[in-house]
Amino acid sequence: PDYLLLSIKTLAENSVRFLKERTHYAYSLGACRNLENEYKLPCMKGLADGYVQFGPPGEEYADGLAFCASSLLTSGEKRACYESVLAYAAYLYSREKFIAVCAKTEEPYREICSTIR
């Protein structure tokens, strides 16, 4: 079962590379939401990671934050999304840049930054 969760997250992450319209989130969200409950958030976190991984060099976080801020996401999905994007940003960037990314994170999710690092 752990491999299944990881596989779903990884597939969702890598699917972002092939999206023609990267800002039309409804299609990808629908795919995640149609999964059984235990797989929905791993799928969502995979999408979030994919938007960072395949974002523009030096500004990888921007597409991830835009995805997380989408009004199409529920509050639970937003929290999972921001947790994933911010953890990825902490891994990619210096402390100073990570703080700058946190400043661009919408409230009330900005507090997630204090739980990372």
C-alpha atoms as a PDB file:
ATOM      1  CA  PRO A   1       0.000   0.000   0.000  1.00  0.00           C
ATOM      2  CA  ASP A   2       2.840   2.486   0.718  1.00  0.00           C
ATOM      3  CA  TYR A   3       4.152   1.834  -2.784  1.00  0.00           C
ATOM      4  CA  LEU A   4       0.728   2.543  -4.201  1.00  0.00           C
ATOM      5  CA  LEU A   5       0.544   5.931  -2.449  1.00  0.00           C
ATOM      6  CA  LEU A   6       4.047   6.812  -3.653  1.00  0.00           C
ATOM      7  CA  SER A   7       3.199   5.650  -7.180  1.00  0.00           C
ATOM      8  CA  ILE A   8       0.090   7.820  -7.332  1.00  0.00           C
ATOM      9  CA  LYS A   9       2.004  10.847  -6.047  1.00  0.00           C
ATOM     10  CA  THR A  10       4.828  10.271  -8.538  1.00  0.00           C
ATOM     11  CA  LEU A  11       2.472   9.793 -11.492  1.00  0.00           C
ATOM     12  CA  ALA A  12       0.599  12.982 -10.633  1.00  0.00           C
ATOM     13  CA  GLU A  13       3.883  14.856 -10.222  1.00  0.00           C
ATOM     14  CA  ASN A  14       5.204  13.771 -13.590  1.00  0.00           C
ATOM     15  CA  SER A  15       1.885  14.366 -15.369  1.00  0.00           C
ATOM     16  CA  VAL A  16       2.354  18.119 -14.920  1.00  0.00           C
ATOM     17  CA  ARG A  17       5.157  18.024 -17.490  1.00  0.00           C
ATOM     18  CA  PHE A  18       2.654  16.972 -20.152  1.00  0.00           C
ATOM     19  CA  LEU A  19      -0.159  19.413 -19.395  1.00  0.00           C
ATOM     20  CA  LYS A  20      -0.768  21.668 -22.382  1.00  0.00           C
ATOM     21  CA  GLU A  21      -2.707  24.248 -20.388  1.00  0.00           C
ATOM     22  CA  ARG A  22      -0.843  24.331 -17.093  1.00  0.00           C
ATOM     23  CA  THR A  23      -3.156  26.894 -15.523  1.00  0.00           C
ATOM     24  CA  HIS A  24      -6.374  24.993 -16.248  1.00  0.00           C
ATOM     25  CA  TYR A  25      -6.363  23.001 -13.056  1.00  0.00           C
ATOM     26  CA  ALA A  26      -9.841  21.443 -13.254  1.00  0.00           C
ATOM     27  CA  TYR A  27      -8.711  18.484 -15.355  1.00  0.00           C
ATOM     28  CA  SER A  28      -5.906  17.418 -13.013  1.00  0.00           C
ATOM     29  CA  LEU A  29      -7.968  18.106  -9.920  1.00  0.00           C
ATOM     30  CA  GLY A  30     -10.768  15.983 -11.319  1.00  0.00           C
ATOM     31  CA  ALA A  31      -8.377  13.080 -11.837  1.00  0.00           C
ATOM     32  CA  CYS A  32      -7.238  13.279  -8.194  1.00  0.00           C
ATOM     33  CA  ARG A  33     -10.741  13.754  -6.835  1.00  0.00           C
ATOM     34  CA  ASN A  34     -12.016  10.674  -8.664  1.00  0.00           C
ATOM     35  CA  LEU A  35      -9.625   8.437  -6.749  1.00  0.00           C
ATOM     36  CA  GLU A  36     -10.551   6.636  -3.551  1.00  0.00           C
ATOM     37  CA  ASN A  37     -10.275   8.897  -0.488  1.00  0.00           C
ATOM     38  CA  GLU A  38      -6.915   7.614   0.736  1.00  0.00           C
ATOM     39  CA  TYR A  39      -5.300   8.453  -2.616  1.00  0.00           C
ATOM     40  CA  LYS A  40      -6.720  11.955  -3.160  1.00  0.00           C
ATOM     41  CA  LEU A  41      -4.235  13.968  -1.095  1.00  0.00           C
ATOM     42  CA  PRO A  42      -1.141  12.049  -2.266  1.00  0.00           C
ATOM     43  CA  CYS A  43      -2.294  12.788  -5.815  1.00  0.00           C
ATOM     44  CA  MET A  44      -2.833  16.460  -4.954  1.00  0.00           C
ATOM     45  CA  LYS A  45       0.622  16.685  -3.355  1.00  0.00           C
ATOM     46  CA  GLY A  46       2.071  15.085  -6.474  1.00  0.00           C
ATOM     47  CA  LEU A  47       0.492  17.776  -8.643  1.00  0.00           C
ATOM     48  CA  ALA A  48       1.844  20.468  -6.329  1.00  0.00           C
ATOM     49  CA  ASP A  49       5.348  19.000  -6.500  1.00  0.00           C
ATOM     50  CA  GLY A  50       5.065  18.728 -10.271  1.00  0.00           C
ATOM     51  CA  TYR A  51       4.246  22.407 -10.635  1.00  0.00           C
ATOM     52  CA  VAL A  52       7.421  23.195  -8.695  1.00  0.00           C
ATOM     53  CA  GLN A  53       9.590  20.590 -10.401  1.00  0.00           C
ATOM     54  CA  PHE A  54       8.639  21.747 -13.886  1.00  0.00           C
ATOM     55  CA  GLY A  55       8.429  25.461 -13.062  1.00  0.00           C
ATOM     56  CA  PRO A  56      10.678  28.073 -14.648  1.00  0.00           C
ATOM     57  CA  PRO A  57      14.320  27.911 -13.489  1.00  0.00           C
ATOM     58  CA  GLY A  58      14.989  30.087 -10.461  1.00  0.00           C
ATOM     59  CA  GLU A  59      11.273  30.679  -9.917  1.00  0.00           C
ATOM     60  CA  GLU A  60      10.123  27.069  -9.648  1.00  0.00           C
ATOM     61  CA  TYR A  61       7.934  27.861  -6.649  1.00  0.00           C
ATOM     62  CA  ALA A  62       5.746  30.352  -8.580  1.00  0.00           C
ATOM     63  CA  ASP A  63       3.656  27.792 -10.472  1.00  0.00           C
ATOM     64  CA  GLY A  64       3.263  25.738  -7.306  1.00  0.00           C
ATOM     65  CA  LEU A  65       2.014  28.703  -5.294  1.00  0.00           C
ATOM     66  CA  ALA A  66      -0.370  29.659  -8.114  1.00  0.00           C
ATOM     67  CA  PHE A  67      -1.784  26.138  -8.135  1.00  0.00           C
ATOM     68  CA  CYS A  68      -2.223  26.118  -4.356  1.00  0.00           C
ATOM     69  CA  ALA A  69      -3.967  29.508  -4.450  1.00  0.00           C
ATOM     70  CA  SER A  70      -6.533  28.346  -7.003  1.00  0.00           C
ATOM     71  CA  SER A  71     -10.113  28.839  -5.899  1.00  0.00           C
ATOM     72  CA  LEU A  72     -10.839  25.354  -7.251  1.00  0.00           C
ATOM     73  CA  LEU A  73      -9.047  23.748  -4.286  1.00  0.00           C
ATOM     74  CA  THR A  74     -10.814  23.029  -1.022  1.00  0.00           C
ATOM     75  CA  SER A  75      -9.205  24.251   2.193  1.00  0.00           C
ATOM     76  CA  GLY A  76      -7.908  20.731   2.927  1.00  0.00           C
ATOM     77  CA  GLU A  77      -6.446  20.448  -0.555  1.00  0.00           C
ATOM     78  CA  LYS A  78      -4.870  23.898  -0.205  1.00  0.00           C
ATOM     79  CA  ARG A  79      -3.205  22.936   3.072  1.00  0.00           C
ATOM     80  CA  ALA A  80      -1.780  19.731   1.563  1.00  0.00           C
ATOM     81  CA  CYS A  81      -0.690  21.678  -1.511  1.00  0.00           C
ATOM     82  CA  TYR A  82       1.097  24.401   0.441  1.00  0.00           C
ATOM     83  CA  GLU A  83       2.746  21.857   2.734  1.00  0.00           C
ATOM     84  CA  SER A  84       4.160  20.117  -0.316  1.00  0.00           C
ATOM     85  CA  VAL A  85       5.213  23.234  -2.250  1.00  0.00           C
ATOM     86  CA  LEU A  86       6.802  24.893   0.762  1.00  0.00           C
ATOM     87  CA  ALA A  87       8.721  21.753   1.750  1.00  0.00           C
ATOM     88  CA  TYR A  88      10.010  21.530  -1.819  1.00  0.00           C
ATOM     89  CA  ALA A  89      10.986  25.227  -1.756  1.00  0.00           C
ATOM     90  CA  ALA A  90      12.848  24.728   1.517  1.00  0.00           C
ATOM     91  CA  TYR A  91      14.819  21.940  -0.141  1.00  0.00           C
ATOM     92  CA  LEU A  92      15.582  23.931  -3.318  1.00  0.00           C
ATOM     93  CA  TYR A  93      16.438  27.370  -2.014  1.00  0.00           C
ATOM     94  CA  SER A  94      18.585  29.223   0.461  1.00  0.00           C
ATOM     95  CA  ARG A  95      17.007  30.265   3.762  1.00  0.00           C
ATOM     96  CA  GLU A  96      16.636  33.839   2.457  1.00  0.00           C
ATOM     97  CA  LYS A  97      14.846  32.773  -0.716  1.00  0.00           C
ATOM     98  CA  PHE A  98      12.652  30.369   1.247  1.00  0.00           C
ATOM     99  CA  ILE A  99      11.574  33.268   3.487  1.00  0.00           C
ATOM    100  CA  ALA A 100      10.757  35.287   0.357  1.00  0.00           C
ATOM    101  CA  VAL A 101       8.647  32.401  -0.972  1.00  0.00           C
ATOM    102  CA  CYS A 102       6.841  32.210   2.363  1.00  0.00           C
ATOM    103  CA  ALA A 103       6.016  35.908   2.122  1.00  0.00           C
ATOM    104  CA  LYS A 104       4.227  35.155  -1.174  1.00  0.00           C
ATOM    105  CA  THR A 105       2.134  32.402   0.409  1.00  0.00           C
ATOM    106  CA  GLU A 106      -1.487  33.298   1.066  1.00  0.00           C
ATOM    107  CA  GLU A 107      -2.843  33.529   4.587  1.00  0.00           C
ATOM    108  CA  PRO A 108      -3.737  31.465   6.593  1.00  0.00           C
ATOM    109  CA  TYR A 109      -1.315  28.974   5.038  1.00  0.00           C
ATOM    110  CA  ARG A 110       1.802  31.091   5.579  1.00  0.00           C
ATOM    111  CA  GLU A 111       2.133  29.624   9.069  1.00  0.00           C
ATOM    112  CA  ILE A 112       3.159  26.329   7.449  1.00  0.00           C
ATOM    113  CA  CYS A 113       6.554  27.950   6.826  1.00  0.00           C
ATOM    114  CA  SER A 114       7.277  27.977  10.563  1.00  0.00           C
ATOM    115  CA  THR A 115       6.929  24.170  10.658  1.00  0.00           C
ATOM    116  CA  ILE A 116       9.563  23.645   7.949  1.00  0.00           C
ATOM    117  CA  ARG A 117      13.331  23.656   8.547  1.00  0.00           C
END
